[in-house]
Amino acid sequence: MEFVQIAVLALIQGITEFLPISSSGHLLLVPILTGWEDQGLITDVMVHMGSFLAVVVYFWRDCMKLLAGTFDLLRGRVTAWGRLAMLIVAATVPAVIFGVFLDKIGFMDQVRGMPELIAWNAIVFGILLYLCDRFGLSSRAMAGMTLVPALIIGLAQAVAIIPGVSRSGITMTAARALGFERPEAARFAFLLGIPAIAGAGVLKLGEA
């Protein structure tokens, strides 16, 4: 794959990762629509790691607080940020289980050449996001999140492994449906994405 093509894919990944549209879906659609060769796992890993670093840099204060909260937990002291770190870990588990299962059955290889599936997923889940954001309540803050809503949002994130389903979009959809305020829903969605993006990158790197 030529440098220009890789640069285009990196640009698409960089833009779509932070919008409620599927970055993985767009990365699959571009080669299909342009006739380019499949970019392969190494390219996928590199562009996703770029997104991971961008999220960590943007939310570096929150990341440091989560890290400090984790160390507090190891010392037997539960703080608000330590509790949030536990919720993020718990919410990541469904995506790990679902991702490993789909990888074992070769699901991703089967859908790479199915642009119709990607398009329909983008349309359906885009409409769902609009409805939940438009009519959802805004009565809950991230500080008051408990295990059950965190797991529900984590289950929603697991669905985003399917191409065309936006990870940030579906986690914000779930959070808004549960009544979390819009800024809080977006913030939790991106913090939750840090271990998810890193884990997906490590998994793909192991396959490459």
Protein backbone atom coordinates (compact mmCIF):
# COMPACT_ATOMS: atom_id res chain seq x y z
CA MET A 1 0.00 0.00 0.00
CA GLU A 2 1.36 3.43 -1.01
CA PHE A 3 2.16 6.21 1.46
CA VAL A 4 -0.66 8.44 0.17
CA GLN A 5 -3.20 5.67 0.72
CA ILE A 6 -1.94 5.07 4.26
CA ALA A 7 -2.08 8.81 4.94
CA VAL A 8 -5.69 8.94 3.72
CA LEU A 9 -6.67 6.02 5.96
CA ALA A 10 -4.90 7.64 8.93
CA LEU A 11 -6.76 10.89 8.30
CA ILE A 12 -10.08 9.07 8.09
CA GLN A 13 -9.32 7.19 11.31
CA GLY A 14 -8.30 10.38 13.08
CA ILE A 15 -11.53 12.15 12.14
CA THR A 16 -14.02 9.33 12.56
CA GLU A 17 -12.67 7.97 15.87
CA PHE A 18 -13.84 11.10 17.67
CA LEU A 19 -17.20 11.41 15.96
CA PRO A 20 -20.17 9.09 16.60
CA ILE A 21 -19.52 7.28 13.32
CA SER A 22 -17.68 4.00 12.88
CA SER A 23 -13.97 4.46 12.23
CA SER A 24 -13.43 0.75 11.56
CA GLY A 25 -16.36 0.75 9.15
CA HIS A 26 -14.92 3.65 7.19
CA LEU A 27 -11.49 2.03 7.11
CA LEU A 28 -13.10 -1.02 5.51
CA LEU A 29 -15.26 0.99 3.11
CA VAL A 30 -12.51 3.14 1.61
CA PRO A 31 -10.51 0.26 0.03
CA ILE A 32 -13.76 -1.31 -1.21
CA LEU A 33 -14.99 1.91 -2.84
CA THR A 34 -11.60 2.97 -4.25
CA GLY A 35 -10.35 -0.43 -5.34
CA TRP A 36 -7.27 -0.16 -3.14
CA GLU A 37 -5.70 -3.28 -1.73
CA ASP A 38 -6.68 -4.25 1.81
CA GLN A 39 -4.54 -2.24 4.21
CA GLY A 40 -3.81 -5.25 6.43
CA LEU A 41 -3.51 -5.63 10.17
CA ILE A 42 -0.31 -3.62 10.66
CA THR A 43 -1.87 -0.48 9.17
CA ASP A 44 -5.01 -1.00 11.25
CA VAL A 45 -2.88 -1.26 14.39
CA MET A 46 -0.90 1.89 13.63
CA VAL A 47 -3.89 4.13 12.89
CA HIS A 48 -5.76 2.86 15.97
CA MET A 49 -2.71 3.44 18.16
CA GLY A 50 -2.65 7.00 16.86
CA SER A 51 -6.24 7.43 18.06
CA PHE A 52 -5.32 5.87 21.40
CA LEU A 53 -2.49 8.35 21.93
CA ALA A 54 -4.74 11.26 20.94
CA VAL A 55 -7.39 10.27 23.50
CA VAL A 56 -4.78 9.81 26.24
CA VAL A 57 -3.22 13.21 25.49
CA TYR A 58 -6.58 15.00 25.41
CA PHE A 59 -7.79 13.37 28.62
CA TRP A 60 -4.38 13.27 30.31
CA ARG A 61 -5.66 14.89 33.51
CA ASP A 62 -8.44 12.32 33.83
CA CYS A 63 -5.97 9.54 33.00
CA MET A 64 -3.61 10.68 35.76
CA LYS A 65 -6.50 10.81 38.24
CA LEU A 66 -7.64 7.34 37.19
CA LEU A 67 -4.09 6.06 37.61
CA ALA A 68 -3.83 7.66 41.05
CA GLY A 69 -7.21 6.20 41.98
CA THR A 70 -6.02 2.76 40.89
CA PHE A 71 -2.94 3.03 43.12
CA ASP A 72 -5.21 4.09 45.98
CA LEU A 73 -7.26 0.93 45.42
CA LEU A 74 -4.11 -1.18 45.59
CA ARG A 75 -3.39 0.43 48.95
CA GLY A 76 -6.89 -0.41 50.14
CA ARG A 77 -8.33 3.10 49.87
CA VAL A 78 -11.42 3.67 47.71
CA THR A 79 -11.67 7.13 46.14
CA ALA A 80 -14.06 8.55 43.54
CA TRP A 81 -11.48 8.11 40.78
CA GLY A 82 -10.55 4.65 41.98
CA ARG A 83 -14.20 3.70 41.86
CA LEU A 84 -14.48 5.10 38.34
CA ALA A 85 -11.41 3.09 37.30
CA MET A 86 -13.09 -0.09 38.57
CA LEU A 87 -16.25 0.74 36.61
CA ILE A 88 -14.24 1.30 33.42
CA VAL A 89 -12.49 -2.05 33.87
CA ALA A 90 -15.82 -3.79 34.51
CA ALA A 91 -17.42 -2.11 31.49
CA THR A 92 -14.52 -3.23 29.28
CA VAL A 93 -14.98 -6.93 30.07
CA PRO A 94 -18.01 -7.51 27.74
CA ALA A 95 -16.09 -6.11 24.76
CA VAL A 96 -13.10 -8.34 25.55
CA ILE A 97 -15.25 -11.48 25.73
CA PHE A 98 -17.28 -10.61 22.62
CA GLY A 99 -14.18 -9.57 20.68
CA VAL A 100 -12.29 -12.78 21.44
CA PHE A 101 -15.36 -14.84 20.49
CA LEU A 102 -15.82 -13.07 17.14
CA ASP A 103 -12.11 -13.39 16.43
CA LYS A 104 -12.19 -17.14 17.12
CA ILE A 105 -15.06 -17.73 14.68
CA GLY A 106 -13.47 -15.52 12.01
CA PHE A 107 -16.36 -13.07 11.96
CA MET A 108 -14.28 -10.03 11.03
CA ASP A 109 -12.82 -11.77 8.00
CA GLN A 110 -16.35 -12.61 6.84
CA VAL A 111 -17.68 -9.04 7.03
CA ARG A 112 -14.69 -7.18 5.58
CA GLY A 113 -16.22 -7.39 2.12
CA MET A 114 -19.82 -6.56 3.11
CA PRO A 115 -20.32 -2.79 2.61
CA GLU A 116 -24.10 -3.20 2.85
CA LEU A 117 -23.81 -4.44 6.45
CA ILE A 118 -21.53 -1.54 7.36
CA ALA A 119 -23.90 0.99 5.77
CA TRP A 120 -27.04 -0.39 7.43
CA ASN A 121 -25.35 -0.50 10.82
CA ALA A 122 -24.29 3.12 10.45
CA ILE A 123 -27.82 4.19 9.51
CA VAL A 124 -29.69 2.21 12.17
CA PHE A 125 -27.40 3.08 15.06
CA GLY A 126 -27.15 6.70 13.91
CA ILE A 127 -30.93 7.02 14.14
CA LEU A 128 -30.89 5.31 17.54
CA LEU A 129 -28.29 7.79 18.81
CA TYR A 130 -30.40 10.73 17.62
CA LEU A 131 -33.53 9.42 19.33
CA CYS A 132 -31.79 8.68 22.64
CA ASP A 133 -30.01 12.03 22.62
CA ARG A 134 -33.14 13.94 21.62
CA PHE A 135 -35.55 12.34 24.07
CA GLY A 136 -33.26 11.01 26.79
CA LEU A 137 -33.27 12.59 30.23
CA SER A 138 -30.26 14.54 31.52
CA SER A 139 -30.55 13.79 35.20
CA ARG A 140 -27.43 11.75 35.98
CA ALA A 141 -23.75 12.63 36.28
CA MET A 142 -20.76 10.35 35.83
CA ALA A 143 -19.88 10.76 39.52
CA GLY A 144 -23.07 8.91 40.42
CA MET A 145 -22.52 5.98 38.06
CA THR A 146 -22.87 2.51 39.54
CA LEU A 147 -21.95 -0.97 38.32
CA VAL A 148 -25.21 -1.79 36.50
CA PRO A 149 -25.26 1.23 34.14
CA ALA A 150 -21.51 0.83 33.58
CA LEU A 151 -22.04 -2.78 32.49
CA ILE A 152 -24.95 -1.77 30.23
CA ILE A 153 -22.73 0.80 28.54
CA GLY A 154 -19.98 -1.83 28.35
CA LEU A 155 -22.36 -4.27 26.65
CA ALA A 156 -23.21 -1.54 24.15
CA GLN A 157 -19.51 -1.02 23.48
CA ALA A 158 -19.16 -4.73 22.73
CA VAL A 159 -21.64 -4.36 19.85
CA ALA A 160 -19.31 -1.76 18.29
CA ILE A 161 -16.90 -4.54 17.37
CA ILE A 162 -19.25 -5.13 14.42
CA PRO A 163 -18.14 -2.84 11.54
CA GLY A 164 -20.42 0.11 10.95
CA VAL A 165 -21.33 0.46 14.63
CA SER A 166 -19.55 3.43 16.16
CA ARG A 167 -17.90 2.68 19.50
CA SER A 168 -18.22 6.21 20.83
CA GLY A 169 -21.66 6.54 19.24
CA ILE A 170 -23.20 3.44 20.76
CA THR A 171 -21.69 4.03 24.21
CA MET A 172 -23.04 7.59 24.19
CA THR A 173 -26.39 6.21 23.00
CA ALA A 174 -26.52 3.83 25.96
CA ALA A 175 -25.43 6.53 28.40
CA ARG A 176 -28.03 9.01 27.10
CA ALA A 177 -30.73 6.31 27.22
CA LEU A 178 -29.80 5.76 30.88
CA GLY A 179 -30.28 9.46 31.59
CA PHE A 180 -26.68 10.69 31.77
CA GLU A 181 -26.00 14.28 30.75
CA ARG A 182 -24.58 14.74 27.27
CA PRO A 183 -21.09 15.96 28.30
CA GLU A 184 -20.85 13.20 30.90
CA ALA A 185 -21.96 10.57 28.39
CA ALA A 186 -19.30 11.69 25.91
CA ARG A 187 -16.60 11.87 28.56
CA PHE A 188 -17.29 8.37 29.88
CA ALA A 189 -17.47 7.03 26.32
CA PHE A 190 -13.98 8.28 25.50
CA LEU A 191 -12.46 7.22 28.83
CA LEU A 192 -13.99 3.79 28.30
CA GLY A 193 -12.47 3.75 24.84
CA ILE A 194 -8.89 3.99 26.14
CA PRO A 195 -8.58 0.34 27.26
CA ALA A 196 -10.81 -0.78 24.37
CA ILE A 197 -8.68 0.86 21.67
CA ALA A 198 -5.45 -0.26 23.34
CA GLY A 199 -6.71 -3.83 23.71
CA ALA A 200 -7.87 -4.00 20.09
CA GLY A 201 -4.49 -2.73 18.95
CA VAL A 202 -2.60 -5.31 20.99
CA LEU A 203 -4.89 -8.08 19.72
CA LYS A 204 -4.36 -7.10 16.08
CA LEU A 205 -0.62 -6.72 16.61
CA GLY A 206 -0.52 -10.24 17.98
CA GLU A 207 -2.25 -11.50 14.84
CA ALA A 208 0.00 -9.58 12.45
